[in-house]
Protein backbone atom coordinates (compact mmCIF):
# COMPACT_ATOMS: atom_id res chain seq x y z
CA MET A 1 -16.93 -25.81 -4.85
CA ILE A 2 -15.17 -23.52 -2.51
CA ARG A 3 -17.63 -21.31 -0.61
CA LEU A 4 -18.42 -19.61 2.75
CA GLN A 5 -20.33 -21.34 5.46
CA ARG A 6 -21.83 -19.08 8.10
CA VAL A 7 -21.32 -19.99 11.67
CA GLY A 8 -21.64 -17.99 14.98
CA LYS A 9 -24.52 -16.57 16.92
CA LYS A 10 -27.24 -14.26 15.78
CA LYS A 11 -25.75 -10.82 14.73
CA GLN A 12 -22.22 -12.24 15.38
CA ALA A 13 -21.53 -13.68 12.00
CA TYR A 14 -18.40 -15.81 11.48
CA PHE A 15 -17.58 -17.61 8.37
CA ARG A 16 -15.72 -20.84 7.35
CA VAL A 17 -14.07 -21.15 3.91
CA VAL A 18 -14.94 -24.76 3.02
CA LEU A 19 -14.66 -27.21 0.15
CA THR A 20 -18.02 -28.91 -0.47
CA GLU A 21 -20.03 -30.36 -3.34
CA HIS A 22 -22.24 -27.78 -4.93
CA THR A 23 -25.27 -30.00 -4.37
CA LYS A 24 -24.82 -30.03 -0.65
CA LYS A 25 -26.58 -27.56 1.71
CA PRO A 26 -24.52 -24.54 2.54
CA GLN A 27 -24.73 -25.32 6.34
CA GLY A 28 -24.23 -29.07 5.84
CA GLU A 29 -21.11 -31.28 5.81
CA TYR A 30 -17.97 -30.32 4.01
CA GLN A 31 -14.95 -32.15 2.66
CA GLU A 32 -12.28 -29.84 3.93
CA LEU A 33 -11.94 -26.68 6.04
CA LEU A 34 -9.80 -24.17 4.08
CA GLY A 35 -9.90 -21.11 6.34
CA THR A 36 -11.97 -18.79 8.41
CA TYR A 37 -13.12 -15.20 8.11
CA ASP A 38 -14.21 -12.69 10.76
CA PRO A 39 -16.09 -9.90 9.18
CA HIS A 40 -16.15 -7.81 12.32
CA ALA A 41 -12.35 -7.53 12.55
CA LYS A 42 -12.01 -8.00 8.76
CA ARG A 43 -9.53 -10.90 9.39
CA LEU A 44 -9.09 -13.85 6.96
CA ALA A 45 -7.08 -16.91 7.77
CA ALA A 46 -6.89 -19.12 4.73
CA GLN A 47 -4.79 -22.07 3.69
CA THR A 48 -3.44 -20.73 0.42
CA GLU A 49 -1.67 -23.93 -0.67
CA ARG A 50 -4.84 -26.04 -0.20
CA ILE A 51 -6.91 -23.49 -2.05
CA THR A 52 -4.71 -23.38 -5.02
CA PHE A 53 -4.50 -27.17 -4.95
CA TRP A 54 -8.27 -27.66 -5.07
CA LEU A 55 -8.59 -25.10 -7.84
CA SER A 56 -6.04 -26.96 -9.88
CA GLN A 57 -8.19 -30.10 -9.37
CA GLY A 58 -11.14 -28.37 -10.79
CA ALA A 59 -12.97 -26.87 -7.90
CA LEU A 60 -14.92 -23.71 -8.57
CA LEU A 61 -15.14 -20.62 -6.36
CA SER A 62 -18.38 -19.09 -5.31
CA PRO A 63 -18.57 -15.46 -6.39
CA THR A 64 -18.54 -14.29 -2.76
CA ALA A 65 -15.49 -16.49 -1.91
CA ASN A 66 -13.82 -15.31 -5.05
CA ASN A 67 -14.23 -11.61 -4.09
CA LEU A 68 -13.07 -12.18 -0.48
CA LEU A 69 -9.94 -13.95 -1.65
CA ALA A 70 -9.28 -11.27 -4.27
CA ASN A 71 -9.71 -8.47 -1.70
CA HIS A 72 -7.24 -10.02 0.74
CA LYS A 73 -4.81 -10.77 -2.07
CA ILE A 74 -4.90 -14.54 -1.47
CA LEU A 75 -5.59 -15.14 -5.17
CA ASP A 76 -4.78 -12.91 -8.13
CA ARG A 77 -8.26 -12.96 -9.68
CA GLU A 78 -10.78 -10.42 -11.00
CA LYS A 79 -13.75 -9.59 -8.75
CA VAL A 80 -17.11 -10.76 -10.09
CA GLN A 81 -20.60 -9.60 -9.32
CA SER A 82 -21.96 -11.71 -6.53
CA TRP A 83 -25.54 -10.39 -6.36
CA LYS A 84 -28.23 -9.36 -8.75
CA PRO A 85 -30.08 -6.07 -8.35
CA LYS A 86 -33.85 -6.34 -7.69
CA LYS A 87 -36.03 -5.50 -10.68
CA LYS A 88 -38.20 -2.49 -10.20
CA ALA A 89 -41.90 -3.16 -10.52
CA ALA A 90 -43.36 -1.46 -13.57
CA THR A 91 -45.95 1.25 -12.63
CA ALA A 92 -49.09 1.09 -14.74
């Protein structure tokens, strides 16, 4: 699975785009580093060739990684919903 891995200090988020097994922890080991993302400067540095290679090998994209790569026009994909709205408590 290709997903984001958060690194950096508190309140100074910085992300890696990594290839990892979906059963591994998000902050754990990864198989390959595919890029980096700086949300403060809105700068994405990704290895397009390696991402397309792994997608052709059957790797999946997390919804957040999919939307990030679609926004920066790295991949020509549709955006997907990456979060679920909270259900409102029923008032009795």
